[in-house]
C-alpha atoms as a PDB file:
ATOM      1  CA  MET A   1       0.000   0.000   0.000  1.00  0.00           C
ATOM      2  CA  VAL A   2       1.321   3.415  -0.934  1.00  0.00           C
ATOM      3  CA  THR A   3       1.164   5.977   1.844  1.00  0.00           C
ATOM      4  CA  LEU A   4       0.621   9.615   1.071  1.00  0.00           C
ATOM      5  CA  ALA A   5       0.904  10.983   4.596  1.00  0.00           C
ATOM      6  CA  THR A   6       3.671  10.920   7.158  1.00  0.00           C
ATOM      7  CA  HIS A   7       3.207   9.360  10.582  1.00  0.00           C
ATOM      8  CA  GLN A   8       2.994  12.876  12.036  1.00  0.00           C
ATOM      9  CA  ASP A   9       0.264  13.796   9.513  1.00  0.00           C
ATOM     10  CA  ASN A  10      -1.681  10.698  10.539  1.00  0.00           C
ATOM     11  CA  ARG A  11      -1.319  11.540  14.239  1.00  0.00           C
ATOM     12  CA  ARG A  12      -2.644  15.070  13.712  1.00  0.00           C
ATOM     13  CA  LEU A  13      -5.529  13.739  11.628  1.00  0.00           C
ATOM     14  CA  GLY A  14      -6.243  11.247  14.419  1.00  0.00           C
ATOM     15  CA  GLN A  15      -6.408  14.102  16.927  1.00  0.00           C
ATOM     16  CA  ARG A  16      -8.875  15.953  14.708  1.00  0.00           C
ATOM     17  CA  LEU A  17     -10.923  12.766  14.306  1.00  0.00           C
ATOM     18  CA  ALA A  18     -11.040  12.256  18.099  1.00  0.00           C
ATOM     19  CA  SER A  19     -12.069  15.894  18.546  1.00  0.00           C
ATOM     20  CA  LEU A  20     -14.848  15.439  15.996  1.00  0.00           C
ATOM     21  CA  ARG A  21     -16.064  12.240  17.662  1.00  0.00           C
ATOM     22  CA  THR A  22     -16.163  13.963  21.047  1.00  0.00           C
ATOM     23  CA  ARG A  23     -18.028  16.949  19.599  1.00  0.00           C
ATOM     24  CA  LEU A  24     -20.577  14.582  18.030  1.00  0.00           C
ATOM     25  CA  GLY A  25     -20.982  12.689  21.310  1.00  0.00           C
ATOM     26  CA  LYS A  26     -20.168   9.340  19.729  1.00  0.00           C
ATOM     27  CA  THR A  27     -18.102   6.364  20.819  1.00  0.00           C
ATOM     28  CA  GLN A  28     -15.327   4.869  18.711  1.00  0.00           C
ATOM     29  CA  ILE A  29     -17.586   1.901  17.972  1.00  0.00           C
ATOM     30  CA  GLU A  30     -20.408   4.168  16.802  1.00  0.00           C
ATOM     31  CA  MET A  31     -18.003   6.064  14.542  1.00  0.00           C
ATOM     32  CA  ALA A  32     -16.652   2.801  13.122  1.00  0.00           C
ATOM     33  CA  GLN A  33     -20.191   1.650  12.358  1.00  0.00           C
ATOM     34  CA  ALA A  34     -21.069   4.970  10.725  1.00  0.00           C
ATOM     35  CA  LEU A  35     -17.961   4.753   8.529  1.00  0.00           C
ATOM     36  CA  ASN A  36     -18.501   1.058   7.803  1.00  0.00           C
ATOM     37  CA  VAL A  37     -15.058   0.081   9.093  1.00  0.00           C
ATOM     38  CA  ALA A  38     -13.957  -2.301  11.813  1.00  0.00           C
ATOM     39  CA  PRO A  39     -13.659  -0.775  15.298  1.00  0.00           C
ATOM     40  CA  ARG A  40      -9.916  -1.579  15.314  1.00  0.00           C
ATOM     41  CA  THR A  41      -9.500   0.279  12.010  1.00  0.00           C
ATOM     42  CA  TYR A  42     -11.211   3.342  13.434  1.00  0.00           C
ATOM     43  CA  GLN A  43      -9.107   3.172  16.605  1.00  0.00           C
ATOM     44  CA  ASN A  44      -5.983   3.028  14.443  1.00  0.00           C
ATOM     45  CA  TYR A  45      -7.165   6.134  12.575  1.00  0.00           C
ATOM     46  CA  GLU A  46      -7.494   8.036  15.856  1.00  0.00           C
ATOM     47  CA  ARG A  47      -4.096   6.849  17.107  1.00  0.00           C
ATOM     48  CA  GLY A  48      -2.489   7.859  13.813  1.00  0.00           C
ATOM     49  CA  GLU A  49      -1.350   4.303  13.167  1.00  0.00           C
ATOM     50  CA  ARG A  50      -3.238   3.955   9.926  1.00  0.00           C
ATOM     51  CA  GLU A  51      -3.792   6.312   7.019  1.00  0.00           C
ATOM     52  CA  ILE A  52      -7.478   7.139   6.679  1.00  0.00           C
ATOM     53  CA  ALA A  53      -9.208   5.763   3.589  1.00  0.00           C
ATOM     54  CA  ALA A  54     -10.692   8.191   1.077  1.00  0.00           C
ATOM     55  CA  SER A  55     -14.051   6.443   1.509  1.00  0.00           C
ATOM     56  CA  SER A  56     -13.962   7.236   5.245  1.00  0.00           C
ATOM     57  CA  VAL A  57     -13.225  10.916   4.568  1.00  0.00           C
ATOM     58  CA  ARG A  58     -16.117  10.986   2.081  1.00  0.00           C
ATOM     59  CA  ASN A  59     -18.456   9.288   4.580  1.00  0.00           C
ATOM     60  CA  LEU A  60     -17.517  11.734   7.341  1.00  0.00           C
ATOM     61  CA  HIS A  61     -18.379  14.569   4.989  1.00  0.00           C
ATOM     62  CA  ARG A  62     -21.664  13.019   3.858  1.00  0.00           C
ATOM     63  CA  LEU A  63     -22.833  11.811   7.253  1.00  0.00           C
ATOM     64  CA  PHE A  64     -21.670  14.625   9.520  1.00  0.00           C
ATOM     65  CA  ASP A  65     -21.058  17.500   7.089  1.00  0.00           C
ATOM     66  CA  VAL A  66     -17.404  17.677   8.122  1.00  0.00           C
ATOM     67  CA  ASP A  67     -15.152  19.820   5.964  1.00  0.00           C
ATOM     68  CA  PRO A  68     -12.772  17.282   4.362  1.00  0.00           C
ATOM     69  CA  VAL A  69     -10.009  19.873   4.029  1.00  0.00           C
ATOM     70  CA  TRP A  70     -10.145  20.525   7.787  1.00  0.00           C
ATOM     71  CA  LEU A  71     -10.081  16.797   8.482  1.00  0.00           C
ATOM     72  CA  LEU A  72      -7.054  16.160   6.281  1.00  0.00           C
ATOM     73  CA  ASP A  73      -5.042  19.314   6.904  1.00  0.00           C
ATOM     74  CA  GLY A  74      -6.811  21.533   9.437  1.00  0.00           C
ATOM     75  CA  GLN A  75      -4.788  23.705  11.741  1.00  0.00           C
ATOM     76  CA  GLU A  76      -7.582  24.194  14.280  1.00  0.00           C
ATOM     77  CA  GLU A  77      -8.464  21.451  16.743  1.00  0.00           C
ATOM     78  CA  GLU A  78     -12.187  22.254  16.745  1.00  0.00           C
ATOM     79  CA  PRO A  79     -14.109  20.524  13.932  1.00  0.00           C
ATOM     80  CA  GLU A  80     -15.108  22.599  10.958  1.00  0.00           C
ATOM     81  CA  PHE A  81     -18.414  21.833   9.316  1.00  0.00           C
ATOM     82  CA  ARG A  82     -19.367  22.881   5.820  1.00  0.00           C
ATOM     83  CA  ARG A  83     -22.353  25.171   6.029  1.00  0.00           C
ATOM     84  CA  ASP A  84     -22.377  26.917   2.709  1.00  0.00           C
ATOM     85  CA  GLY A  85     -25.505  28.113   0.961  1.00  0.00           C
ATOM     86  CA  GLN A  86     -26.173  24.886  -0.915  1.00  0.00           C
ATOM     87  CA  TYR A  87     -26.362  22.780   2.228  1.00  0.00           C
ATOM     88  CA  LEU A  88     -28.567  25.277   4.018  1.00  0.00           C
ATOM     89  CA  ALA A  89     -30.845  25.512   0.991  1.00  0.00           C
ATOM     90  CA  LEU A  90     -31.192  21.728   0.847  1.00  0.00           C
ATOM     91  CA  MET A  91     -32.028  21.573   4.555  1.00  0.00           C
ATOM     92  CA  ARG A  92     -34.647  24.265   4.117  1.00  0.00           C
ATOM     93  CA  ILE A  93     -36.199  22.398   1.187  1.00  0.00           C
ATOM     94  CA  ALA A  94     -36.265  19.171   3.217  1.00  0.00           C
ATOM     95  CA  ILE A  95     -38.006  20.896   6.147  1.00  0.00           C
ATOM     96  CA  GLU A  96     -40.537  22.648   3.921  1.00  0.00           C
ATOM     97  CA  GLU A  97     -41.344  19.498   1.936  1.00  0.00           C
ATOM     98  CA  VAL A  98     -41.936  17.439   5.069  1.00  0.00           C
ATOM     99  CA  GLU A  99     -44.139  20.116   6.628  1.00  0.00           C
ATOM    100  CA  LYS A 100     -46.113  20.669   3.434  1.00  0.00           C
ATOM    101  CA  LYS A 101     -46.755  16.981   2.866  1.00  0.00           C
ATOM    102  CA  LEU A 102     -47.691  16.321   6.501  1.00  0.00           C
ATOM    103  CA  VAL A 103     -50.243  19.153   6.422  1.00  0.00           C
ATOM    104  CA  LYS A 104     -51.656  17.942   3.116  1.00  0.00           C
ATOM    105  CA  ALA A 105     -51.994  14.377   4.439  1.00  0.00           C
ATOM    106  CA  ARG A 106     -53.309  15.665   7.798  1.00  0.00           C
ATOM    107  CA  LYS A 107     -50.714  13.645   9.666  1.00  0.00           C
ATOM    108  CA  THR A 108     -48.610  14.476  12.687  1.00  0.00           C
ATOM    109  CA  MET A 109     -45.311  13.160  14.038  1.00  0.00           C
ATOM    110  CA  THR A 110     -43.408  13.475  17.256  1.00  0.00           C
ATOM    111  CA  PRO A 111     -40.683  16.125  17.023  1.00  0.00           C
ATOM    112  CA  ALA A 112     -37.946  13.467  17.280  1.00  0.00           C
ATOM    113  CA  LYS A 113     -39.444  11.351  14.505  1.00  0.00           C
ATOM    114  CA  LYS A 114     -39.901  14.418  12.311  1.00  0.00           C
ATOM    115  CA  ALA A 115     -36.304  15.496  12.920  1.00  0.00           C
ATOM    116  CA  ASP A 116     -35.044  12.024  11.950  1.00  0.00           C
ATOM    117  CA  LEU A 117     -37.147  12.106   8.781  1.00  0.00           C
ATOM    118  CA  ILE A 118     -35.927  15.574   7.832  1.00  0.00           C
ATOM    119  CA  LEU A 119     -32.320  14.509   8.389  1.00  0.00           C
ATOM    120  CA  LEU A 120     -32.813  11.396   6.238  1.00  0.00           C
ATOM    121  CA  ILE A 121     -34.323  13.463   3.432  1.00  0.00           C
ATOM    122  CA  TYR A 122     -31.643  16.144   3.740  1.00  0.00           C
ATOM    123  CA  ARG A 123     -28.856  13.549   3.465  1.00  0.00           C
ATOM    124  CA  HIS A 124     -30.503  12.078   0.386  1.00  0.00           C
ATOM    125  CA  PHE A 125     -30.798  15.546  -1.155  1.00  0.00           C
ATOM    126  CA  ALA A 126     -27.141  16.282  -0.379  1.00  0.00           C
ATOM    127  CA  ALA A 127     -26.029  12.994  -1.949  1.00  0.00           C
ATOM    128  CA  GLN A 128     -28.140  13.730  -5.027  1.00  0.00           C
ATOM    129  CA  ASP A 129     -27.125  17.421  -5.155  1.00  0.00           C
ATOM    130  CA  GLY A 130     -30.773  18.430  -5.238  1.00  0.00           C
ATOM    131  CA  SER A 131     -34.298  17.694  -4.106  1.00  0.00           C
ATOM    132  CA  ASP A 132     -36.180  14.505  -4.968  1.00  0.00           C
ATOM    133  CA  ASP A 133     -39.963  14.656  -4.511  1.00  0.00           C
ATOM    134  CA  THR A 134     -40.401  10.912  -5.084  1.00  0.00           C
ATOM    135  CA  PHE A 135     -37.979  10.115  -2.261  1.00  0.00           C
ATOM    136  CA  VAL A 136     -39.829  12.480   0.095  1.00  0.00           C
ATOM    137  CA  ASP A 137     -43.119  10.727  -0.667  1.00  0.00           C
ATOM    138  CA  GLN A 138     -41.601   7.267  -0.144  1.00  0.00           C
ATOM    139  CA  ALA A 139     -39.907   8.267   3.101  1.00  0.00           C
ATOM    140  CA  LEU A 140     -43.133   9.733   4.466  1.00  0.00           C
ATOM    141  CA  LYS A 141     -45.051   6.560   3.605  1.00  0.00           C
ATOM    142  CA  LEU A 142     -42.522   4.525   5.561  1.00  0.00           C
ATOM    143  CA  VAL A 143     -42.604   6.561   8.758  1.00  0.00           C
ATOM    144  CA  ALA A 144     -46.036   8.211   8.889  1.00  0.00           C
END
């Protein structure tokens, strides 16, 4: 395997990863599951003993909206999240679509269930780089 980072680079990335995990309130096992890697692999990432896979960087960005540049080369210890206009616009669309469709169907949800649904729809929108009315309808049918 070709390595692109030095051991020191990996250690600093591991520190940023641990800081992110703490900020998210997750355990190492939960992070490993979210990234679809073995717990030992994730632990090695945090200790700087293993170079992080590109797929893990991508998943951190997609799942937690982490700025990949900060993760790979950030100077600040505190996590940086990408919150540019596109992401905010997609979140707003997800919220509005859920509310509109719930009112139209005369259905209600607990706040926690609604938040989970909105997050699911937002993540789908972000992965698709745009809204998807069919997905919203299908997701609502599953949970409402």
